[in-house]
């Protein structure tokens, strides 16, 4: 046991350097995914058939292709085909994660908008509100309360999927754990044990933040979230997998 804690202490600094990359990938990928989710989600409700059709093609393409293949394409194929190469493979990871989970998130946005009663849409028109006012003041606040739980699920999945960047040599948390294993097999147990705990802590923090956001969003609509539900995984009451 003493040897374990000694190797634990030796491995921790190296793993903490890797967790910085994991956080960058998760946060940046989530921001890009959120922006694309709303862009494609609103496009799916456009009156223009061209906009709707183009949105569906992009969404189905990135939902229907492997994230690993997308990641390899941005790192290795894109420079050959387009002549443009990203300065850092981390950017490729962010783009791949953002596009892939943005495609899934667009379905969350579309579903959330469709969940707003038609009477609410009609009321905003009757009040002569401008399109942006309708969305900002009436539609999006109601839809957002329904979007947050599935968004929380996608965020946790994005965190876990960020470990795939190890395949293209990006030094994230998983990469550093594997490097420790290759350099010193006796430290592998400690390295992967620490990685397991760190991923869990990150997922727990994200889950807690999303639950708090859900409670805030529903409170603004006059809905109260029971305290015991704030301790559940995001989306647990909706049957999701966190």
Protein backbone atom coordinates (compact mmCIF):
# COMPACT_ATOMS: atom_id res chain seq x y z
CA UNK A 1 0.00 0.00 0.00
CA UNK A 2 2.89 2.37 0.79
CA UNK A 3 4.31 1.77 -2.69
CA UNK A 4 0.95 2.61 -4.21
CA UNK A 5 0.75 5.98 -2.48
CA UNK A 6 4.34 6.73 -3.43
CA UNK A 7 3.68 6.09 -7.11
CA UNK A 8 0.40 7.97 -6.71
CA UNK A 9 2.33 11.06 -5.60
CA UNK A 10 4.86 10.66 -8.41
CA UNK A 11 2.19 10.34 -11.12
CA UNK A 12 -0.14 13.12 -9.94
CA UNK A 13 1.78 16.17 -11.33
CA UNK A 14 2.03 14.64 -14.81
CA UNK A 15 -1.69 13.77 -14.81
CA UNK A 16 -2.63 17.24 -13.64
CA UNK A 17 -0.82 18.69 -16.66
CA UNK A 18 -2.92 16.42 -18.87
CA UNK A 19 -6.16 17.43 -17.21
CA UNK A 20 -5.62 21.01 -18.41
CA UNK A 21 -5.90 19.80 -22.00
CA UNK A 22 -8.95 17.73 -21.11
CA UNK A 23 -10.61 20.83 -19.64
CA UNK A 24 -9.72 22.93 -22.69
CA UNK A 25 -11.18 20.30 -25.00
CA UNK A 26 -14.32 19.89 -22.91
CA UNK A 27 -15.09 23.56 -22.33
CA UNK A 28 -14.16 24.78 -25.83
CA UNK A 29 -15.87 21.83 -27.50
CA UNK A 30 -19.00 22.41 -25.41
CA UNK A 31 -19.13 26.13 -26.31
CA UNK A 32 -18.79 25.34 -30.02
CA UNK A 33 -21.34 22.53 -29.74
CA UNK A 34 -23.83 24.82 -27.97
CA UNK A 35 -23.50 27.50 -30.65
CA UNK A 36 -23.95 24.96 -33.43
CA UNK A 37 -26.86 23.33 -31.59
CA UNK A 38 -28.83 26.56 -31.63
CA UNK A 39 -27.78 27.44 -35.18
CA UNK A 40 -28.87 24.10 -36.63
CA UNK A 41 -31.84 23.81 -34.25
CA UNK A 42 -33.30 27.12 -35.37
CA UNK A 43 -32.42 26.36 -38.99
CA UNK A 44 -34.53 23.20 -38.75
CA UNK A 45 -37.59 25.43 -38.16
CA UNK A 46 -36.81 27.83 -40.98
CA UNK A 47 -39.49 28.53 -43.58
CA UNK A 48 -36.87 28.14 -46.29
CA UNK A 49 -36.68 24.59 -47.59
CA UNK A 50 -33.06 25.18 -48.61
CA UNK A 51 -32.06 26.21 -45.07
CA UNK A 52 -33.97 23.32 -43.50
CA UNK A 53 -32.56 20.84 -45.98
CA UNK A 54 -28.99 22.05 -45.64
CA UNK A 55 -29.27 21.91 -41.87
CA UNK A 56 -30.57 18.34 -41.95
CA UNK A 57 -27.77 17.20 -44.26
CA UNK A 58 -25.07 18.63 -41.99
CA UNK A 59 -26.69 17.30 -38.81
CA UNK A 60 -27.24 13.80 -40.17
CA UNK A 61 -23.71 13.71 -41.61
CA UNK A 62 -22.00 14.46 -38.31
CA UNK A 63 -24.41 12.28 -36.33
CA UNK A 64 -23.97 9.41 -38.77
CA UNK A 65 -20.19 9.36 -38.98
CA UNK A 66 -17.68 8.26 -36.36
CA UNK A 67 -16.16 10.90 -34.09
CA UNK A 68 -12.83 9.06 -34.37
CA UNK A 69 -12.91 9.28 -38.17
CA UNK A 70 -13.86 12.97 -37.99
CA UNK A 71 -10.94 13.60 -35.65
CA UNK A 72 -8.49 11.82 -37.96
CA UNK A 73 -9.90 13.70 -40.96
CA UNK A 74 -9.28 17.12 -39.42
CA UNK A 75 -5.75 16.17 -38.33
CA UNK A 76 -4.52 14.15 -41.33
CA UNK A 77 -6.87 14.40 -44.34
CA UNK A 78 -7.85 18.07 -44.29
CA UNK A 79 -4.25 19.38 -44.76
CA UNK A 80 -3.84 17.13 -47.82
CA UNK A 81 -7.19 17.98 -49.40
CA UNK A 82 -7.42 21.70 -48.61
CA UNK A 83 -3.77 22.64 -48.04
CA UNK A 84 -4.75 24.15 -44.70
CA UNK A 85 -3.34 22.72 -41.49
CA UNK A 86 -4.37 23.66 -37.99
CA UNK A 87 -1.53 25.03 -35.86
CA UNK A 88 -2.28 22.66 -32.99
CA UNK A 89 -4.02 19.24 -33.04
CA UNK A 90 -5.99 20.45 -29.99
CA UNK A 91 -7.96 22.71 -32.35
CA UNK A 92 -8.86 19.66 -34.44
CA UNK A 93 -10.13 17.97 -31.29
CA UNK A 94 -12.24 20.98 -30.37
CA UNK A 95 -13.72 21.24 -33.87
CA UNK A 96 -14.48 17.51 -34.10
CA UNK A 97 -16.11 17.44 -30.66
CA UNK A 98 -18.04 20.64 -31.34
CA UNK A 99 -19.40 19.48 -34.70
CA UNK A 100 -20.28 16.00 -33.52
CA UNK A 101 -22.03 17.00 -30.31
CA UNK A 102 -23.45 20.14 -31.92
CA UNK A 103 -25.26 17.86 -34.37
CA UNK A 104 -26.76 15.88 -31.51
CA UNK A 105 -27.50 19.07 -29.59
CA UNK A 106 -29.43 20.52 -32.53
CA UNK A 107 -32.02 17.78 -32.00
CA UNK A 108 -32.27 18.84 -28.36
CA UNK A 109 -32.90 22.44 -29.44
CA UNK A 110 -35.44 21.39 -32.06
CA UNK A 111 -37.26 19.25 -29.53
CA UNK A 112 -37.21 22.02 -26.93
CA UNK A 113 -38.65 24.56 -29.35
CA UNK A 114 -41.33 22.12 -30.46
CA UNK A 115 -42.23 21.51 -26.80
CA UNK A 116 -43.29 25.16 -26.35
CA UNK A 117 -47.09 25.23 -26.73
CA UNK A 118 -48.29 26.67 -30.01
CA UNK A 119 -50.43 29.11 -28.04
CA UNK A 120 -47.24 30.76 -26.74
CA UNK A 121 -45.99 31.33 -30.28
CA UNK A 122 -49.35 32.73 -31.32
CA UNK A 123 -49.48 34.99 -28.26
CA UNK A 124 -46.14 36.60 -29.17
CA UNK A 125 -47.46 37.34 -32.65
CA UNK A 126 -50.71 38.74 -31.23
CA UNK A 127 -48.66 41.05 -29.01
CA UNK A 128 -46.85 42.31 -32.13
CA UNK A 129 -43.46 41.29 -30.76
CA UNK A 130 -40.48 41.27 -33.09
CA UNK A 131 -38.98 37.85 -33.94
CA UNK A 132 -35.94 38.32 -31.68
CA UNK A 133 -38.16 39.53 -28.85
CA UNK A 134 -40.37 36.45 -29.20
CA UNK A 135 -37.40 34.16 -28.89
CA UNK A 136 -35.52 36.05 -26.17
CA UNK A 137 -38.43 36.87 -23.89
CA UNK A 138 -40.92 34.05 -24.37
CA UNK A 139 -39.87 31.04 -26.42
CA UNK A 140 -36.24 30.34 -25.51
CA UNK A 141 -36.71 30.67 -21.69
CA UNK A 142 -39.47 28.06 -21.81
CA UNK A 143 -37.62 25.79 -24.22
CA UNK A 144 -34.34 26.09 -22.29
CA UNK A 145 -35.88 24.56 -19.17
CA UNK A 146 -36.57 21.44 -21.23
CA UNK A 147 -33.22 21.49 -23.04
CA UNK A 148 -30.92 21.60 -20.02
CA UNK A 149 -31.28 17.95 -18.86
CA UNK A 150 -30.41 16.43 -22.27
CA UNK A 151 -27.71 19.07 -22.74
CA UNK A 152 -26.27 17.90 -19.43
CA UNK A 153 -26.15 14.34 -20.71
CA UNK A 154 -24.36 15.45 -23.87
CA UNK A 155 -21.86 17.48 -21.85
CA UNK A 156 -20.89 14.45 -19.75
CA UNK A 157 -20.59 12.36 -22.92
CA UNK A 158 -18.42 15.04 -24.51
CA UNK A 159 -16.12 15.00 -21.48
CA UNK A 160 -15.67 11.25 -21.79
CA UNK A 161 -15.29 11.40 -25.58
CA UNK A 162 -12.49 13.95 -25.22
CA UNK A 163 -10.21 11.04 -24.28
CA UNK A 164 -10.34 9.93 -27.93
CA UNK A 165 -7.84 12.66 -28.80
CA UNK A 166 -5.14 10.35 -27.43
CA UNK A 167 -5.38 8.61 -30.82
CA UNK A 168 -3.84 11.63 -32.55
CA UNK A 169 -1.19 12.25 -29.90
CA UNK A 170 -2.82 15.08 -27.96
CA UNK A 171 -1.47 15.08 -24.40
CA UNK A 172 -4.73 15.00 -22.46
CA UNK A 173 -5.38 13.14 -19.20
CA UNK A 174 -5.66 9.72 -20.89
CA UNK A 175 -2.49 10.35 -22.90
CA UNK A 176 -0.49 11.17 -19.77
CA UNK A 177 -1.81 8.08 -17.98
CA UNK A 178 -0.80 5.88 -20.91
CA UNK A 179 2.63 7.54 -21.09
CA UNK A 180 3.20 6.75 -17.42
CA UNK A 181 2.23 3.13 -18.07
CA UNK A 182 4.66 2.84 -20.97
CA UNK A 183 7.52 4.44 -19.06
CA UNK A 184 6.97 2.55 -15.83
CA UNK A 185 4.52 -0.35 -15.78
CA UNK A 186 4.59 -0.46 -11.97
CA UNK A 187 2.94 2.98 -11.88
CA UNK A 188 0.13 2.01 -14.25
CA UNK A 189 -2.28 1.10 -11.44
CA UNK A 190 -1.81 4.43 -9.70
CA UNK A 191 -1.94 6.41 -12.95
CA UNK A 192 -5.19 4.91 -14.16
CA UNK A 193 -6.71 5.01 -10.66
CA UNK A 194 -6.01 8.74 -10.47
CA UNK A 195 -7.41 9.22 -13.99
CA UNK A 196 -10.58 7.38 -13.03
CA UNK A 197 -11.08 9.61 -10.00
CA UNK A 198 -10.30 12.81 -11.92
CA UNK A 199 -12.79 11.98 -14.68
CA UNK A 200 -15.41 11.23 -12.03
CA UNK A 201 -14.78 14.52 -10.21
CA UNK A 202 -15.03 16.49 -13.46
CA UNK A 203 -18.26 14.71 -14.41
CA UNK A 204 -19.69 15.33 -10.93
CA UNK A 205 -18.86 19.03 -11.08
CA UNK A 206 -20.42 19.36 -14.53
CA UNK A 207 -23.49 17.47 -13.38
CA UNK A 208 -23.87 19.69 -10.32
CA UNK A 209 -23.52 22.84 -12.41
CA UNK A 210 -26.11 21.68 -14.94
CA UNK A 211 -28.54 20.76 -12.16
CA UNK A 212 -28.13 24.22 -10.65
CA UNK A 213 -28.72 25.79 -14.08
CA UNK A 214 -31.84 23.68 -14.54
CA UNK A 215 -33.17 24.76 -11.16
CA UNK A 216 -32.50 28.42 -11.98
CA UNK A 217 -34.16 28.16 -15.40
CA UNK A 218 -37.27 26.50 -13.99
CA UNK A 219 -37.45 28.91 -11.05
CA UNK A 220 -37.63 31.82 -13.51
CA UNK A 221 -40.69 30.14 -15.00
CA UNK A 222 -42.28 29.70 -11.59
CA UNK A 223 -41.47 25.99 -11.41
CA UNK A 224 -39.84 24.57 -8.32
CA UNK A 225 -37.33 21.75 -8.61
CA UNK A 226 -37.46 19.45 -5.53
CA UNK A 227 -34.20 19.50 -3.58
CA UNK A 228 -33.75 15.73 -3.90
CA UNK A 229 -33.79 16.05 -7.70
CA UNK A 230 -30.90 18.49 -7.55
CA UNK A 231 -28.80 15.60 -6.22
CA UNK A 232 -29.72 13.30 -9.10
CA UNK A 233 -27.71 13.01 -12.34
CA UNK A 234 -28.81 15.45 -15.03
CA UNK A 235 -31.62 13.91 -17.05
CA UNK A 236 -32.21 11.05 -14.58
CA UNK A 237 -35.88 11.95 -14.19
CA UNK A 238 -36.23 12.07 -17.97
CA UNK A 239 -34.85 8.56 -18.37
CA UNK A 240 -31.52 9.79 -19.78
CA UNK A 241 -28.12 8.30 -19.13
CA UNK A 242 -25.74 10.74 -17.47
